[in-house]
């Protein structure tokens, strides 16, 4: 024989209506539904406290709803982090390659480009700015058109846009004749 105690309580109308719906869904009386809901709530609360107190060791089977849900969430997070770690490693390697390429390009430029005499420096800077803006414009146009064939699209490659490259060459040729390092023209 189970000992039972009688409890009286008042609830807002909205909670009463929800309780009636829950009891109807379970096929029980209101009193039985209140007792079941209270028992479920207290069990869930105890389980939640158990998750905080003893999270379990790796490899142990998951017991209880919250342990299972947390374990699944941890697995998804771990998979996501692994995928991002692989992508980050690939991007870091690509960045290292680009850094080395930029370093070699800078060394090549400094090795093969004579210094400009101070009296020609202002004219050379103005020419460089014009050429640079044209180059950026050509790169932008090429990027908007997109080569779509996997090539880098650098001038002289299969991905080159002929009209853009020709315009750069024409412009570069006229600029090259105006100012050369060391004060020499073409």
Protein backbone atom coordinates (compact mmCIF):
# COMPACT_ATOMS: atom_id res chain seq x y z
CA UNK A 1 0.00 0.00 0.00
CA UNK A 2 1.41 3.37 -1.00
CA UNK A 3 1.14 6.31 1.29
CA UNK A 4 -0.30 9.34 -0.39
CA UNK A 5 -0.87 12.88 0.80
CA UNK A 6 -3.46 15.28 -0.39
CA UNK A 7 -2.35 18.65 -1.75
CA UNK A 8 -4.48 21.61 -2.74
CA UNK A 9 -3.17 24.30 -5.02
CA UNK A 10 -4.34 27.19 -7.13
CA UNK A 11 -2.94 27.82 -10.61
CA UNK A 12 -3.53 30.53 -13.21
CA UNK A 13 -6.14 29.79 -15.87
CA UNK A 14 -3.53 29.37 -18.62
CA UNK A 15 -1.65 26.73 -16.56
CA UNK A 16 -4.92 24.96 -15.75
CA UNK A 17 -5.81 24.78 -19.44
CA UNK A 18 -2.35 23.43 -20.30
CA UNK A 19 -2.73 20.85 -17.52
CA UNK A 20 -6.11 19.79 -18.93
CA UNK A 21 -4.57 19.39 -22.40
CA UNK A 22 -1.65 17.37 -21.00
CA UNK A 23 -3.99 15.11 -19.01
CA UNK A 24 -6.14 14.55 -22.11
CA UNK A 25 -3.03 13.73 -24.18
CA UNK A 26 -1.88 11.23 -21.54
CA UNK A 27 -5.36 9.83 -21.00
CA UNK A 28 -5.23 10.44 -17.24
CA UNK A 29 -7.08 12.47 -14.66
CA UNK A 30 -5.94 15.97 -13.68
CA UNK A 31 -4.73 14.67 -10.29
CA UNK A 32 -2.74 11.85 -11.89
CA UNK A 33 -1.29 14.24 -14.50
CA UNK A 34 -0.16 16.69 -11.78
CA UNK A 35 1.52 13.84 -9.86
CA UNK A 36 3.22 12.50 -13.04
CA UNK A 37 4.40 15.94 -14.15
CA UNK A 38 5.78 16.71 -10.69
CA UNK A 39 7.60 13.35 -10.56
CA UNK A 40 9.07 13.93 -14.07
CA UNK A 41 10.14 17.44 -13.16
CA UNK A 42 11.87 16.33 -9.97
CA UNK A 43 13.61 13.45 -11.80
CA UNK A 44 14.82 15.81 -14.52
CA UNK A 45 16.05 18.27 -11.93
CA UNK A 46 17.95 15.52 -10.10
CA UNK A 47 19.48 14.39 -13.40
CA UNK A 48 20.53 17.95 -14.20
CA UNK A 49 22.19 18.21 -10.81
CA UNK A 50 23.90 14.86 -11.50
CA UNK A 51 25.35 16.19 -14.77
CA UNK A 52 26.93 19.09 -12.91
CA UNK A 53 28.22 16.92 -10.06
CA UNK A 54 29.45 13.88 -12.02
CA UNK A 55 29.85 14.56 -15.73
CA UNK A 56 31.12 11.01 -16.37
CA UNK A 57 34.40 9.78 -17.78
CA UNK A 58 35.28 9.51 -21.45
CA UNK A 59 34.06 6.27 -22.96
CA UNK A 60 31.45 5.58 -20.28
CA UNK A 61 27.97 4.82 -21.57
CA UNK A 62 25.61 7.77 -21.33
CA UNK A 63 22.80 7.45 -18.85
CA UNK A 64 19.83 9.75 -18.79
CA UNK A 65 18.39 12.21 -21.20
CA UNK A 66 20.66 15.14 -20.40
CA UNK A 67 23.84 13.05 -20.47
CA UNK A 68 22.88 11.72 -23.89
CA UNK A 69 21.99 15.17 -25.24
CA UNK A 70 25.18 16.69 -23.90
CA UNK A 71 27.26 13.83 -25.34
CA UNK A 72 25.70 14.32 -28.78
CA UNK A 73 26.28 18.06 -28.60
CA UNK A 74 29.92 17.48 -27.62
CA UNK A 75 30.39 15.10 -30.56
CA UNK A 76 28.97 17.66 -33.01
CA UNK A 77 31.12 20.42 -31.55
CA UNK A 78 34.22 18.23 -31.75
CA UNK A 79 33.50 17.38 -35.41
CA UNK A 80 32.95 21.05 -36.23
CA UNK A 81 36.15 22.09 -34.47
CA UNK A 82 38.12 19.38 -36.28
CA UNK A 83 36.82 20.57 -39.65
CA UNK A 84 37.69 24.18 -38.82
CA UNK A 85 41.15 23.13 -37.59
CA UNK A 86 41.86 21.40 -40.91
CA UNK A 87 40.69 24.44 -42.88
CA UNK A 88 42.71 26.78 -40.67
CA UNK A 89 45.85 24.65 -41.14
CA UNK A 90 45.38 24.79 -44.92
CA UNK A 91 44.91 28.55 -44.83
CA UNK A 92 47.97 29.00 -42.61
CA UNK A 93 50.11 27.00 -45.03
CA UNK A 94 48.80 29.05 -47.94
CA UNK A 95 49.63 32.23 -46.03
CA UNK A 96 53.18 30.98 -45.37
CA UNK A 97 53.62 30.27 -49.09
CA UNK A 98 52.38 33.76 -49.97
CA UNK A 99 54.73 35.32 -47.41
CA UNK A 100 57.68 33.47 -48.96
CA UNK A 101 56.59 34.50 -52.45
CA UNK A 102 56.29 38.14 -51.42
CA UNK A 103 59.69 37.99 -49.77
CA UNK A 104 61.29 36.55 -52.94
CA UNK A 105 59.51 39.13 -55.11
CA UNK A 106 60.75 41.97 -52.92
CA UNK A 107 64.31 40.64 -53.03
CA UNK A 108 64.08 40.25 -56.82
CA UNK A 109 62.80 43.82 -57.18
CA UNK A 110 65.48 45.28 -54.94
CA UNK A 111 68.20 43.29 -56.70
CA UNK A 112 67.26 44.28 -60.25
CA UNK A 113 65.90 47.82 -59.87
CA UNK A 114 68.42 50.64 -59.57
CA UNK A 115 67.68 53.52 -57.22
CA UNK A 116 66.14 56.66 -58.67
CA UNK A 117 68.19 59.85 -58.34
CA UNK A 118 66.70 62.34 -55.86
CA UNK A 119 66.00 64.95 -58.57
CA UNK A 120 63.78 62.43 -60.49
CA UNK A 121 62.06 60.89 -57.44
CA UNK A 122 58.91 63.08 -57.50
CA UNK A 123 58.30 62.38 -61.18
CA UNK A 124 58.90 58.66 -60.63
CA UNK A 125 56.40 58.55 -57.73
CA UNK A 126 53.73 60.24 -59.85
CA UNK A 127 54.37 57.76 -62.68
CA UNK A 128 54.26 54.84 -60.25
CA UNK A 129 50.92 56.01 -58.85
CA UNK A 130 49.37 56.22 -62.32
CA UNK A 131 50.71 52.78 -63.28
CA UNK A 132 49.58 51.29 -59.97
CA UNK A 133 46.03 52.64 -60.36
CA UNK A 134 45.86 51.19 -63.88
CA UNK A 135 47.15 47.85 -62.60
CA UNK A 136 44.57 47.77 -59.77
CA UNK A 137 41.83 48.66 -62.26
CA UNK A 138 42.91 45.81 -64.56
CA UNK A 139 43.00 43.37 -61.64
CA UNK A 140 39.53 44.47 -60.54
CA UNK A 141 38.13 44.07 -64.05
CA UNK A 142 39.71 40.66 -64.35
CA UNK A 143 38.32 39.62 -60.98
CA UNK A 144 34.82 40.72 -61.97
CA UNK A 145 35.02 38.84 -65.27
CA UNK A 146 36.47 35.74 -63.54
CA UNK A 147 38.63 33.33 -65.48
CA UNK A 148 36.71 30.24 -64.26
CA UNK A 149 39.42 27.90 -65.55
CA UNK A 150 41.45 27.54 -62.36
CA UNK A 151 44.29 29.76 -63.57
CA UNK A 152 45.49 32.61 -61.45
CA UNK A 153 44.64 35.03 -64.22
CA UNK A 154 48.08 36.65 -64.02
CA UNK A 155 49.22 38.34 -67.23
CA UNK A 156 50.77 35.81 -69.58
CA UNK A 157 48.64 32.89 -68.36
CA UNK A 158 45.74 31.11 -70.00
CA UNK A 159 43.40 32.93 -67.60
CA UNK A 160 44.43 36.37 -68.93
CA UNK A 161 41.82 38.74 -70.24
CA UNK A 162 43.38 39.93 -73.52
CA UNK A 163 41.91 43.43 -73.59
CA UNK A 164 42.89 44.11 -69.95
CA UNK A 165 46.43 42.81 -70.40
CA UNK A 166 46.87 44.75 -73.64
CA UNK A 167 45.71 47.98 -71.99
CA UNK A 168 48.18 47.42 -69.15
CA UNK A 169 51.01 46.71 -71.60
CA UNK A 170 50.16 49.80 -73.70
CA UNK A 171 49.98 52.00 -70.64
CA UNK A 172 53.11 50.48 -69.13
CA UNK A 173 55.03 51.00 -72.35
CA UNK A 174 54.20 54.70 -72.49
CA UNK A 175 55.06 55.14 -68.81
CA UNK A 176 58.31 53.19 -69.17
CA UNK A 177 59.52 55.62 -71.81
CA UNK A 178 58.83 58.64 -69.61
CA UNK A 179 60.84 57.73 -66.49
CA UNK A 180 63.41 54.99 -66.07
CA UNK A 181 65.47 54.32 -62.95
CA UNK A 182 68.77 56.11 -63.14
CA UNK A 183 67.23 58.91 -65.24
CA UNK A 184 67.37 57.01 -68.56
CA UNK A 185 64.51 57.07 -71.04
CA UNK A 186 63.61 54.33 -73.53
